[in-house]
């Protein structure tokens, strides 16, 4: 095999490797998209992740959330409301002193 053929074969192998990498990255990209967006009632929707990727204020589609996440958010909200009540009561006591 001559030098030209060797170079051509290496390039061909390199191109095949790059094509394989492109396919892998496309599949990974699709999986990431599927994790974040889905179809619900024939409409695209956001799958709530509960992390820094959730920018709900920028969305214009419905948001789907797992029940256990919603339950945890509701519990946090109830705790927050109790904290507010306690702080108001303490503040009222201070004002009455």
C-alpha atoms as a PDB file:
ATOM      1  CA  UNK A   1       0.000   0.000   0.000  1.00  0.00           C
ATOM      2  CA  UNK A   2       1.381   3.354  -0.989  1.00  0.00           C
ATOM      3  CA  UNK A   3       1.615   6.457   1.143  1.00  0.00           C
ATOM      4  CA  UNK A   4      -1.407   8.047  -0.574  1.00  0.00           C
ATOM      5  CA  UNK A   5      -3.546   4.985   0.085  1.00  0.00           C
ATOM      6  CA  UNK A   6      -2.477   4.924   3.747  1.00  0.00           C
ATOM      7  CA  UNK A   7      -3.428   8.562   4.179  1.00  0.00           C
ATOM      8  CA  UNK A   8      -6.768   7.966   2.429  1.00  0.00           C
ATOM      9  CA  UNK A   9      -7.473   4.923   4.631  1.00  0.00           C
ATOM     10  CA  UNK A  10      -6.670   6.854   7.829  1.00  0.00           C
ATOM     11  CA  UNK A  11      -8.950   9.669   6.735  1.00  0.00           C
ATOM     12  CA  UNK A  12     -11.714   7.213   5.893  1.00  0.00           C
ATOM     13  CA  UNK A  13     -11.333   5.596   9.328  1.00  0.00           C
ATOM     14  CA  UNK A  14     -11.342   9.032  10.961  1.00  0.00           C
ATOM     15  CA  UNK A  15     -14.501  10.018   9.078  1.00  0.00           C
ATOM     16  CA  UNK A  16     -16.229   6.794  10.133  1.00  0.00           C
ATOM     17  CA  UNK A  17     -15.236   7.460  13.746  1.00  0.00           C
ATOM     18  CA  UNK A  18     -16.563  11.017  13.558  1.00  0.00           C
ATOM     19  CA  UNK A  19     -19.829   9.831  11.985  1.00  0.00           C
ATOM     20  CA  UNK A  20     -20.219   7.331  14.814  1.00  0.00           C
ATOM     21  CA  UNK A  21     -19.560  10.073  17.389  1.00  0.00           C
ATOM     22  CA  UNK A  22     -22.121  12.358  15.710  1.00  0.00           C
ATOM     23  CA  UNK A  23     -24.721   9.568  15.910  1.00  0.00           C
ATOM     24  CA  UNK A  24     -23.935   9.009  19.583  1.00  0.00           C
ATOM     25  CA  UNK A  25     -24.198  12.716  20.372  1.00  0.00           C
ATOM     26  CA  UNK A  26     -27.473  13.021  18.451  1.00  0.00           C
ATOM     27  CA  UNK A  27     -28.920  10.126  20.476  1.00  0.00           C
ATOM     28  CA  UNK A  28     -27.702  11.710  23.725  1.00  0.00           C
ATOM     29  CA  UNK A  29     -29.184  15.062  22.706  1.00  0.00           C
ATOM     30  CA  UNK A  30     -32.531  13.416  21.930  1.00  0.00           C
ATOM     31  CA  UNK A  31     -32.534  11.681  25.316  1.00  0.00           C
ATOM     32  CA  UNK A  32     -31.871  14.988  27.084  1.00  0.00           C
ATOM     33  CA  UNK A  33     -34.672  16.611  25.117  1.00  0.00           C
ATOM     34  CA  UNK A  34     -37.013  13.714  25.927  1.00  0.00           C
ATOM     35  CA  UNK A  35     -36.160  14.069  29.620  1.00  0.00           C
ATOM     36  CA  UNK A  36     -37.084  17.749  29.594  1.00  0.00           C
ATOM     37  CA  UNK A  37     -39.891  17.924  27.062  1.00  0.00           C
ATOM     38  CA  UNK A  38     -42.644  15.466  26.414  1.00  0.00           C
ATOM     39  CA  UNK A  39     -46.028  15.277  24.795  1.00  0.00           C
ATOM     40  CA  UNK A  40     -49.069  15.478  27.000  1.00  0.00           C
ATOM     41  CA  UNK A  41     -52.566  15.609  25.510  1.00  0.00           C
ATOM     42  CA  UNK A  42     -50.961  16.189  22.082  1.00  0.00           C
ATOM     43  CA  UNK A  43     -49.226  19.300  23.375  1.00  0.00           C
ATOM     44  CA  UNK A  44     -45.550  19.803  24.119  1.00  0.00           C
ATOM     45  CA  UNK A  45     -44.935  20.208  27.824  1.00  0.00           C
ATOM     46  CA  UNK A  46     -42.024  20.700  30.235  1.00  0.00           C
ATOM     47  CA  UNK A  47     -41.109  17.873  32.583  1.00  0.00           C
ATOM     48  CA  UNK A  48     -40.330  19.527  35.925  1.00  0.00           C
ATOM     49  CA  UNK A  49     -36.893  18.392  37.130  1.00  0.00           C
ATOM     50  CA  UNK A  50     -36.648  20.307  40.397  1.00  0.00           C
ATOM     51  CA  UNK A  51     -33.190  21.611  39.601  1.00  0.00           C
ATOM     52  CA  UNK A  52     -31.507  24.704  38.168  1.00  0.00           C
ATOM     53  CA  UNK A  53     -32.766  23.748  34.700  1.00  0.00           C
ATOM     54  CA  UNK A  54     -36.346  24.693  35.601  1.00  0.00           C
ATOM     55  CA  UNK A  55     -36.884  28.285  34.486  1.00  0.00           C
ATOM     56  CA  UNK A  56     -40.646  28.192  34.806  1.00  0.00           C
ATOM     57  CA  UNK A  57     -41.061  31.923  34.262  1.00  0.00           C
ATOM     58  CA  UNK A  58     -39.793  31.517  30.691  1.00  0.00           C
ATOM     59  CA  UNK A  59     -42.110  28.674  29.712  1.00  0.00           C
ATOM     60  CA  UNK A  60     -45.184  29.013  27.550  1.00  0.00           C
ATOM     61  CA  UNK A  61     -46.231  25.378  27.745  1.00  0.00           C
ATOM     62  CA  UNK A  62     -47.839  23.210  30.434  1.00  0.00           C
ATOM     63  CA  UNK A  63     -45.570  21.802  33.154  1.00  0.00           C
ATOM     64  CA  UNK A  64     -45.762  18.168  34.217  1.00  0.00           C
ATOM     65  CA  UNK A  65     -44.578  17.330  37.727  1.00  0.00           C
ATOM     66  CA  UNK A  66     -44.216  14.001  39.508  1.00  0.00           C
ATOM     67  CA  UNK A  67     -46.721  13.527  42.363  1.00  0.00           C
ATOM     68  CA  UNK A  68     -44.010  13.040  45.007  1.00  0.00           C
ATOM     69  CA  UNK A  69     -42.373  16.319  43.966  1.00  0.00           C
ATOM     70  CA  UNK A  70     -45.677  18.177  44.166  1.00  0.00           C
ATOM     71  CA  UNK A  71     -46.368  16.679  47.603  1.00  0.00           C
ATOM     72  CA  UNK A  72     -42.933  17.807  48.802  1.00  0.00           C
ATOM     73  CA  UNK A  73     -43.501  21.320  47.426  1.00  0.00           C
ATOM     74  CA  UNK A  74     -46.873  21.525  49.153  1.00  0.00           C
ATOM     75  CA  UNK A  75     -45.287  20.402  52.442  1.00  0.00           C
ATOM     76  CA  UNK A  76     -42.569  23.056  52.085  1.00  0.00           C
ATOM     77  CA  UNK A  77     -45.247  25.657  51.426  1.00  0.00           C
ATOM     78  CA  UNK A  78     -47.181  24.595  54.550  1.00  0.00           C
ATOM     79  CA  UNK A  79     -43.974  24.827  56.627  1.00  0.00           C
ATOM     80  CA  UNK A  80     -43.287  28.265  55.175  1.00  0.00           C
ATOM     81  CA  UNK A  81     -46.790  29.438  56.095  1.00  0.00           C
ATOM     82  CA  UNK A  82     -46.292  28.176  59.665  1.00  0.00           C
ATOM     83  CA  UNK A  83     -42.967  30.024  59.874  1.00  0.00           C
ATOM     84  CA  UNK A  84     -44.680  33.225  58.726  1.00  0.00           C
ATOM     85  CA  UNK A  85     -47.397  32.803  61.370  1.00  0.00           C
ATOM     86  CA  UNK A  86     -44.766  32.288  64.086  1.00  0.00           C
ATOM     87  CA  UNK A  87     -42.795  35.331  62.958  1.00  0.00           C
ATOM     88  CA  UNK A  88     -45.926  37.475  62.936  1.00  0.00           C
ATOM     89  CA  UNK A  89     -46.803  36.280  66.436  1.00  0.00           C
ATOM     90  CA  UNK A  90     -43.283  37.088  67.692  1.00  0.00           C
ATOM     91  CA  UNK A  91     -43.425  40.474  65.982  1.00  0.00           C
ATOM     92  CA  UNK A  92     -46.814  41.168  67.582  1.00  0.00           C
ATOM     93  CA  UNK A  93     -45.412  40.281  71.014  1.00  0.00           C
ATOM     94  CA  UNK A  94     -42.506  42.666  70.508  1.00  0.00           C
ATOM     95  CA  UNK A  95     -44.888  45.447  69.519  1.00  0.00           C
ATOM     96  CA  UNK A  96     -46.980  44.882  72.668  1.00  0.00           C
ATOM     97  CA  UNK A  97     -43.969  45.157  74.995  1.00  0.00           C
END
